[in-house]
């Protein structure tokens, strides 16, 4: 009887633990890092894209602070610190923003507003293809020639907008 109760309690605790771990992983995967930056950082650092372009640099695929310092240890303690998965997500977002440059801001913002808002409101990704939510047109096919974009610019813009939808920008 005691052994049966112990086994039942152990199994219940194990299942609860697995559910918590799975839930935490899902939350980290679904986290919008741009929204996280806006919530935790914008008051002091301004918009994420502008901050990245003005204050960060990339060396060998690693995002560094303006003085060349590794940001991971800093972000783990700054303003109470962030968990490792959120730090990785923010650094990936910064890398994406640095790689994309200010093209959207310089070329598209005048008509489409902020890239993050535009992507979340007007685009959707289905089966790995980025679509206009209301035009039902594949973005990669529409962009070449739009706003005088070259095919290369359209490809980079499509990748950047997809990264936003994935929470990576």
Foldseek 3Di string as FASTA:
>chain_A
DVVVVVVVVVVVVVVVVVVVVVVVVVCLQQAQLQVVCVVPPCVPQNHLLVSLQPFWDADPNAIAGNVRHHCQVVQCPPPNHDDNSSVVLSRLLSSLSNVLDCCCVVQPCVPQNDLLVSLVPFWDDDPNFIAGPPVRHTQLVPPPVVSPDHNVNSVSSRVSSVCSVSSRD
